[in-house]
Amino acid sequence: MATFVFNKLIRDKLRFEYEKLHQKATYRKLSNDELAGALKQKLIEEIKEIELSDRESVITELADVYQVVEEFLRIYDINPEEIRKVKAAKFEKKGGFSEGLFVETLQLTDDDEWNEYYRKQPDVFKEVSDK
């Protein structure tokens, strides 16, 4: 019998599907802190799946993302109106994404205060030399 390590958060009713298929899973109940971490991983997983999706699959993956967001609201006791207010404020200050602007490089002067911020995240912001 094959056994696979999952180490991932699953939807509540999937355990019944495993049983129907005569699959045996081991489970543990997560604390709220553990659940928050698992939800973050689930969100990353769902977003990665969007990359490989056509329109119909994107709808399915976005439904999963929305479910994860609702779980975050529940475990952190966040009112959706709080999210809408912050979203509106960010939109007012920075706009949305409808223009599709994609920054390829950003050149900063040596004394720019943002240099330190970007350099602390080399996996996200790779520094290239202009020499």
N, C-alpha and C. Protein backbone atom coordinates (compact mmCIF):
# COMPACT_ATOMS: atom_id res chain seq x y z
N MET A 1 0.85 -1.18 0.00
CA MET A 1 0.00 0.00 0.00
C MET A 1 0.89 1.24 0.00
N ALA A 2 0.60 2.17 -0.88
CA ALA A 2 1.37 3.41 -0.99
C ALA A 2 0.88 4.43 0.03
N THR A 3 1.80 5.15 0.59
CA THR A 3 1.48 6.23 1.52
C THR A 3 2.18 7.49 1.03
N PHE A 4 1.45 8.59 1.02
CA PHE A 4 1.98 9.86 0.55
C PHE A 4 1.89 10.89 1.67
N VAL A 5 2.92 11.67 1.84
CA VAL A 5 2.92 12.76 2.83
C VAL A 5 2.25 13.96 2.18
N PHE A 6 1.20 14.45 2.80
CA PHE A 6 0.49 15.62 2.28
C PHE A 6 0.92 16.88 3.01
N ASN A 7 0.83 16.88 4.34
CA ASN A 7 1.13 18.06 5.14
C ASN A 7 0.48 19.31 4.57
N LYS A 8 -0.84 19.25 4.37
CA LYS A 8 -1.55 20.41 3.83
C LYS A 8 -2.96 20.47 4.38
N LEU A 9 -3.46 21.66 4.42
CA LEU A 9 -4.83 21.91 4.84
C LEU A 9 -5.78 21.44 3.75
N ILE A 10 -6.83 20.74 4.16
CA ILE A 10 -7.83 20.29 3.18
C ILE A 10 -9.19 20.85 3.56
N ARG A 11 -10.09 20.82 2.59
CA ARG A 11 -11.47 21.23 2.87
C ARG A 11 -12.12 20.21 3.80
N ASP A 12 -13.06 20.67 4.62
CA ASP A 12 -13.65 19.86 5.68
C ASP A 12 -14.26 18.54 5.19
N LYS A 13 -14.91 18.55 4.05
CA LYS A 13 -15.64 17.36 3.59
C LYS A 13 -14.77 16.38 2.80
N LEU A 14 -13.53 16.72 2.52
CA LEU A 14 -12.68 15.82 1.76
C LEU A 14 -12.41 14.51 2.50
N ARG A 15 -12.43 14.55 3.83
CA ARG A 15 -12.18 13.31 4.58
C ARG A 15 -13.21 12.25 4.24
N PHE A 16 -14.45 12.66 3.94
CA PHE A 16 -15.49 11.70 3.57
C PHE A 16 -15.22 11.12 2.19
N GLU A 17 -14.65 11.93 1.30
CA GLU A 17 -14.27 11.43 -0.02
C GLU A 17 -13.17 10.39 0.09
N TYR A 18 -12.21 10.63 0.97
CA TYR A 18 -11.14 9.66 1.19
C TYR A 18 -11.73 8.34 1.67
N GLU A 19 -12.68 8.43 2.61
CA GLU A 19 -13.31 7.22 3.14
C GLU A 19 -14.05 6.45 2.05
N LYS A 20 -14.79 7.14 1.20
CA LYS A 20 -15.52 6.50 0.10
C LYS A 20 -14.58 5.74 -0.82
N LEU A 21 -13.39 6.30 -1.00
CA LEU A 21 -12.40 5.69 -1.88
C LEU A 21 -11.53 4.67 -1.15
N HIS A 22 -11.86 4.39 0.13
CA HIS A 22 -11.11 3.46 0.97
C HIS A 22 -9.65 3.89 1.14
N GLN A 23 -9.47 5.20 1.23
CA GLN A 23 -8.16 5.76 1.50
C GLN A 23 -8.11 6.10 2.99
N LYS A 24 -6.97 5.90 3.60
CA LYS A 24 -6.82 6.13 5.04
C LYS A 24 -5.90 7.32 5.26
N ALA A 25 -6.43 8.35 5.87
CA ALA A 25 -5.66 9.55 6.13
C ALA A 25 -5.45 9.71 7.63
N THR A 26 -4.35 10.32 8.00
CA THR A 26 -4.14 10.70 9.39
C THR A 26 -4.33 12.22 9.45
N TYR A 27 -5.02 12.66 10.50
CA TYR A 27 -5.36 14.07 10.64
C TYR A 27 -4.91 14.58 12.00
N ARG A 28 -4.82 15.88 12.09
CA ARG A 28 -4.73 16.52 13.39
C ARG A 28 -5.43 17.87 13.29
N LYS A 29 -6.02 18.28 14.38
CA LYS A 29 -6.73 19.56 14.46
C LYS A 29 -5.71 20.66 14.71
N LEU A 30 -5.75 21.69 13.90
CA LEU A 30 -4.80 22.80 14.03
C LEU A 30 -5.31 23.83 15.03
N SER A 31 -4.38 24.43 15.76
CA SER A 31 -4.72 25.59 16.59
C SER A 31 -4.98 26.77 15.65
N ASN A 32 -5.51 27.85 16.18
CA ASN A 32 -5.76 29.02 15.33
C ASN A 32 -4.48 29.57 14.72
N ASP A 33 -3.39 29.56 15.49
CA ASP A 33 -2.11 30.03 14.96
C ASP A 33 -1.62 29.12 13.83
N GLU A 34 -1.74 27.81 14.06
CA GLU A 34 -1.34 26.85 13.02
C GLU A 34 -2.25 26.98 11.80
N LEU A 35 -3.54 27.18 12.05
CA LEU A 35 -4.49 27.33 10.95
C LEU A 35 -4.15 28.56 10.12
N ALA A 36 -3.79 29.65 10.77
CA ALA A 36 -3.41 30.87 10.04
C ALA A 36 -2.22 30.58 9.12
N GLY A 37 -1.22 29.86 9.63
CA GLY A 37 -0.06 29.50 8.80
C GLY A 37 -0.45 28.59 7.66
N ALA A 38 -1.30 27.60 7.93
CA ALA A 38 -1.75 26.68 6.89
C ALA A 38 -2.58 27.40 5.83
N LEU A 39 -3.37 28.37 6.25
CA LEU A 39 -4.17 29.15 5.29
C LEU A 39 -3.27 29.99 4.39
N LYS A 40 -2.19 30.51 4.95
CA LYS A 40 -1.24 31.26 4.12
C LYS A 40 -0.64 30.36 3.05
N GLN A 41 -0.27 29.14 3.45
CA GLN A 41 0.26 28.18 2.48
C GLN A 41 -0.79 27.80 1.44
N LYS A 42 -2.03 27.63 1.88
CA LYS A 42 -3.13 27.29 0.97
C LYS A 42 -3.35 28.42 -0.03
N LEU A 43 -3.28 29.65 0.43
CA LEU A 43 -3.44 30.80 -0.46
C LEU A 43 -2.36 30.80 -1.53
N ILE A 44 -1.13 30.55 -1.15
CA ILE A 44 -0.02 30.48 -2.12
C ILE A 44 -0.27 29.35 -3.10
N GLU A 45 -0.70 28.19 -2.60
CA GLU A 45 -1.00 27.04 -3.46
C GLU A 45 -2.07 27.38 -4.50
N GLU A 46 -3.15 28.00 -4.05
CA GLU A 46 -4.25 28.34 -4.96
C GLU A 46 -3.82 29.38 -5.99
N ILE A 47 -3.04 30.34 -5.57
CA ILE A 47 -2.58 31.37 -6.50
C ILE A 47 -1.65 30.76 -7.55
N LYS A 48 -0.80 29.83 -7.14
CA LYS A 48 0.07 29.16 -8.11
C LYS A 48 -0.76 28.38 -9.13
N GLU A 49 -1.86 27.80 -8.69
CA GLU A 49 -2.72 27.05 -9.61
C GLU A 49 -3.38 27.97 -10.63
N ILE A 50 -3.60 29.22 -10.28
CA ILE A 50 -4.18 30.18 -11.22
C ILE A 50 -3.25 30.39 -12.41
N GLU A 51 -1.94 30.39 -12.15
CA GLU A 51 -0.95 30.57 -13.22
C GLU A 51 -1.14 29.59 -14.36
N LEU A 52 -1.53 28.38 -14.06
CA LEU A 52 -1.63 27.31 -15.05
C LEU A 52 -3.04 27.12 -15.59
N SER A 53 -3.92 28.06 -15.32
CA SER A 53 -5.33 27.85 -15.59
C SER A 53 -5.86 28.62 -16.80
N ASP A 54 -6.87 28.02 -17.44
CA ASP A 54 -7.65 28.72 -18.44
C ASP A 54 -8.77 29.48 -17.71
N ARG A 55 -9.65 30.14 -18.43
CA ARG A 55 -10.68 30.98 -17.81
C ARG A 55 -11.55 30.20 -16.84
N GLU A 56 -12.03 29.03 -17.24
CA GLU A 56 -12.90 28.25 -16.37
C GLU A 56 -12.18 27.81 -15.10
N SER A 57 -10.95 27.39 -15.25
CA SER A 57 -10.18 26.97 -14.07
C SER A 57 -9.84 28.15 -13.17
N VAL A 58 -9.64 29.32 -13.77
CA VAL A 58 -9.38 30.52 -12.96
C VAL A 58 -10.57 30.79 -12.05
N ILE A 59 -11.77 30.61 -12.56
CA ILE A 59 -12.97 30.82 -11.74
C ILE A 59 -12.95 29.87 -10.54
N THR A 60 -12.63 28.63 -10.79
CA THR A 60 -12.57 27.63 -9.71
C THR A 60 -11.50 27.99 -8.69
N GLU A 61 -10.32 28.37 -9.17
CA GLU A 61 -9.22 28.71 -8.26
C GLU A 61 -9.53 29.99 -7.47
N LEU A 62 -10.18 30.96 -8.12
CA LEU A 62 -10.56 32.18 -7.40
C LEU A 62 -11.59 31.88 -6.33
N ALA A 63 -12.48 30.92 -6.59
CA ALA A 63 -13.44 30.50 -5.56
C ALA A 63 -12.69 29.93 -4.36
N ASP A 64 -11.63 29.16 -4.62
CA ASP A 64 -10.81 28.63 -3.53
C ASP A 64 -10.11 29.76 -2.78
N VAL A 65 -9.58 30.72 -3.50
CA VAL A 65 -8.92 31.87 -2.88
C VAL A 65 -9.92 32.62 -2.00
N TYR A 66 -11.11 32.82 -2.52
CA TYR A 66 -12.15 33.52 -1.76
C TYR A 66 -12.50 32.76 -0.48
N GLN A 67 -12.56 31.44 -0.57
CA GLN A 67 -12.83 30.62 0.61
C GLN A 67 -11.75 30.82 1.66
N VAL A 68 -10.49 30.83 1.23
CA VAL A 68 -9.38 31.04 2.16
C VAL A 68 -9.49 32.43 2.80
N VAL A 69 -9.82 33.43 2.01
CA VAL A 69 -9.97 34.79 2.54
C VAL A 69 -11.08 34.81 3.61
N GLU A 70 -12.19 34.15 3.33
CA GLU A 70 -13.27 34.10 4.31
C GLU A 70 -12.82 33.42 5.61
N GLU A 71 -11.98 32.40 5.50
CA GLU A 71 -11.46 31.74 6.70
C GLU A 71 -10.56 32.68 7.50
N PHE A 72 -9.74 33.47 6.79
CA PHE A 72 -8.92 34.47 7.48
C PHE A 72 -9.82 35.47 8.22
N LEU A 73 -10.87 35.92 7.58
CA LEU A 73 -11.79 36.85 8.23
C LEU A 73 -12.36 36.24 9.51
N ARG A 74 -12.69 34.96 9.44
CA ARG A 74 -13.28 34.28 10.60
C ARG A 74 -12.26 34.13 11.73
N ILE A 75 -11.06 33.61 11.44
CA ILE A 75 -10.13 33.33 12.55
C ILE A 75 -9.54 34.60 13.15
N TYR A 76 -9.47 35.68 12.38
CA TYR A 76 -8.97 36.95 12.91
C TYR A 76 -10.09 37.90 13.31
N ASP A 77 -11.33 37.42 13.21
CA ASP A 77 -12.50 38.22 13.56
C ASP A 77 -12.48 39.58 12.86
N ILE A 78 -12.36 39.53 11.55
CA ILE A 78 -12.30 40.74 10.73
C ILE A 78 -13.64 40.92 10.04
N ASN A 79 -14.18 42.11 10.14
CA ASN A 79 -15.41 42.45 9.44
C ASN A 79 -15.05 42.78 7.99
N PRO A 80 -15.75 42.20 7.01
CA PRO A 80 -15.43 42.49 5.60
C PRO A 80 -15.44 43.99 5.27
N GLU A 81 -16.19 44.77 6.03
CA GLU A 81 -16.22 46.22 5.79
C GLU A 81 -14.85 46.84 6.05
N GLU A 82 -14.09 46.29 7.02
CA GLU A 82 -12.73 46.76 7.27
C GLU A 82 -11.87 46.59 6.03
N ILE A 83 -12.02 45.46 5.37
CA ILE A 83 -11.26 45.18 4.15
C ILE A 83 -11.66 46.16 3.05
N ARG A 84 -12.95 46.36 2.89
CA ARG A 84 -13.42 47.29 1.85
C ARG A 84 -12.88 48.71 2.07
N LYS A 85 -12.84 49.15 3.34
CA LYS A 85 -12.33 50.50 3.64
C LYS A 85 -10.85 50.62 3.30
N VAL A 86 -10.06 49.61 3.69
CA VAL A 86 -8.63 49.65 3.40
C VAL A 86 -8.40 49.58 1.90
N LYS A 87 -9.16 48.72 1.22
CA LYS A 87 -9.06 48.60 -0.24
C LYS A 87 -9.36 49.94 -0.92
N ALA A 88 -10.42 50.60 -0.48
CA ALA A 88 -10.80 51.89 -1.06
C ALA A 88 -9.72 52.94 -0.82
N ALA A 89 -9.14 52.94 0.37
CA ALA A 89 -8.08 53.91 0.69
C ALA A 89 -6.84 53.65 -0.17
N LYS A 90 -6.46 52.37 -0.33
CA LYS A 90 -5.31 52.05 -1.16
C LYS A 90 -5.58 52.41 -2.62
N PHE A 91 -6.80 52.17 -3.07
CA PHE A 91 -7.16 52.50 -4.44
C PHE A 91 -7.07 54.01 -4.65
N GLU A 92 -7.56 54.77 -3.69
CA GLU A 92 -7.53 56.23 -3.78
C GLU A 92 -6.09 56.73 -3.84
N LYS A 93 -5.22 56.14 -3.02
CA LYS A 93 -3.82 56.59 -2.96
C LYS A 93 -2.97 56.06 -4.10
N LYS A 94 -3.12 54.76 -4.45
CA LYS A 94 -2.22 54.12 -5.40
C LYS A 94 -2.87 53.64 -6.69
N GLY A 95 -4.20 53.63 -6.72
CA GLY A 95 -4.90 53.14 -7.91
C GLY A 95 -5.06 51.64 -7.89
N GLY A 96 -5.52 51.10 -9.04
CA GLY A 96 -5.73 49.65 -9.16
C GLY A 96 -4.69 49.05 -10.08
N PHE A 97 -5.10 48.05 -10.83
CA PHE A 97 -4.18 47.34 -11.73
C PHE A 97 -4.68 47.32 -13.17
N SER A 98 -5.71 48.09 -13.47
CA SER A 98 -6.37 48.00 -14.78
C SER A 98 -5.49 48.45 -15.95
N GLU A 99 -4.48 49.27 -15.70
CA GLU A 99 -3.61 49.71 -16.80
C GLU A 99 -2.57 48.65 -17.16
N GLY A 100 -2.41 47.66 -16.31
CA GLY A 100 -1.48 46.58 -16.60
C GLY A 100 -0.02 46.99 -16.63
N LEU A 101 0.36 47.94 -15.81
CA LEU A 101 1.76 48.39 -15.77
C LEU A 101 2.62 47.36 -15.05
N PHE A 102 3.74 47.01 -15.65
CA PHE A 102 4.64 45.98 -15.13
C PHE A 102 6.04 46.57 -15.07
N VAL A 103 6.57 46.76 -13.86
CA VAL A 103 7.90 47.34 -13.70
C VAL A 103 8.94 46.26 -13.97
N GLU A 104 9.79 46.51 -14.95
CA GLU A 104 10.87 45.57 -15.25
C GLU A 104 12.11 45.87 -14.42
N THR A 105 12.49 47.13 -14.33
CA THR A 105 13.61 47.54 -13.49
C THR A 105 13.25 48.87 -12.85
N LEU A 106 13.91 49.15 -11.74
CA LEU A 106 13.73 50.41 -11.04
C LEU A 106 15.11 50.88 -10.62
N GLN A 107 15.54 52.01 -11.13
CA GLN A 107 16.86 52.52 -10.82
C GLN A 107 16.74 53.60 -9.75
N LEU A 108 17.54 53.46 -8.70
CA LEU A 108 17.51 54.39 -7.59
C LEU A 108 18.86 55.06 -7.44
N THR A 109 18.87 56.28 -6.94
CA THR A 109 20.13 56.95 -6.64
C THR A 109 20.73 56.29 -5.40
N ASP A 110 22.03 56.45 -5.22
CA ASP A 110 22.72 55.80 -4.10
C ASP A 110 22.18 56.21 -2.74
N ASP A 111 21.66 57.43 -2.63
CA ASP A 111 21.17 57.91 -1.34
C ASP A 111 19.67 57.69 -1.14
N ASP A 112 19.04 56.97 -2.04
CA ASP A 112 17.59 56.74 -1.93
C ASP A 112 17.30 55.84 -0.73
N GLU A 113 16.34 56.25 0.10
CA GLU A 113 16.00 55.49 1.31
C GLU A 113 15.44 54.10 1.00
N TRP A 114 14.94 53.88 -0.21
CA TRP A 114 14.35 52.58 -0.57
C TRP A 114 15.39 51.51 -0.90
N ASN A 115 16.65 51.90 -1.10
CA ASN A 115 17.71 50.93 -1.39
C ASN A 115 17.75 49.82 -0.33
N GLU A 116 17.73 50.20 0.92
CA GLU A 116 17.81 49.23 2.01
C GLU A 116 16.63 48.26 1.97
N TYR A 117 15.45 48.78 1.75
CA TYR A 117 14.24 47.94 1.69
C TYR A 117 14.38 46.87 0.61
N TYR A 118 14.77 47.28 -0.59
CA TYR A 118 14.89 46.32 -1.69
C TYR A 118 16.06 45.34 -1.47
N ARG A 119 17.14 45.80 -0.92
CA ARG A 119 18.30 44.94 -0.70
C ARG A 119 18.05 43.88 0.37
N LYS A 120 17.12 44.13 1.26
CA LYS A 120 16.78 43.14 2.29
C LYS A 120 15.97 41.97 1.72
N GLN A 121 15.54 42.09 0.47
CA GLN A 121 14.72 41.04 -0.15
C GLN A 121 15.30 40.63 -1.50
N PRO A 122 16.53 40.11 -1.51
CA PRO A 122 17.17 39.80 -2.79
C PRO A 122 16.47 38.72 -3.61
N ASP A 123 15.69 37.88 -2.94
CA ASP A 123 14.93 36.86 -3.69
C ASP A 123 13.76 37.47 -4.45
N VAL A 124 13.32 38.65 -4.01
CA VAL A 124 12.21 39.36 -4.68
C VAL A 124 12.75 40.45 -5.60
N PHE A 125 13.73 41.20 -5.12
CA PHE A 125 14.28 42.32 -5.88
C PHE A 125 15.76 42.08 -6.13
N LYS A 126 16.07 41.47 -7.25
CA LYS A 126 17.47 41.17 -7.61
C LYS A 126 18.15 42.48 -8.02
N GLU A 127 19.28 42.75 -7.38
CA GLU A 127 20.03 43.96 -7.74
C GLU A 127 20.99 43.65 -8.88
N VAL A 128 20.96 44.48 -9.88
CA VAL A 128 21.88 44.33 -11.03
C VAL A 128 22.77 45.54 -11.11
N SER A 129 23.97 45.35 -11.57
CA SER A 129 24.92 46.44 -11.67
C SER A 129 24.72 47.15 -13.01
N ASP A 130 24.89 48.45 -13.01
CA ASP A 130 24.80 49.20 -14.27
C ASP A 130 26.18 49.46 -14.85
N LYS A 131 27.21 48.80 -14.32
CA LYS A 131 28.59 49.01 -14.77
C LYS A 131 28.90 48.11 -15.93
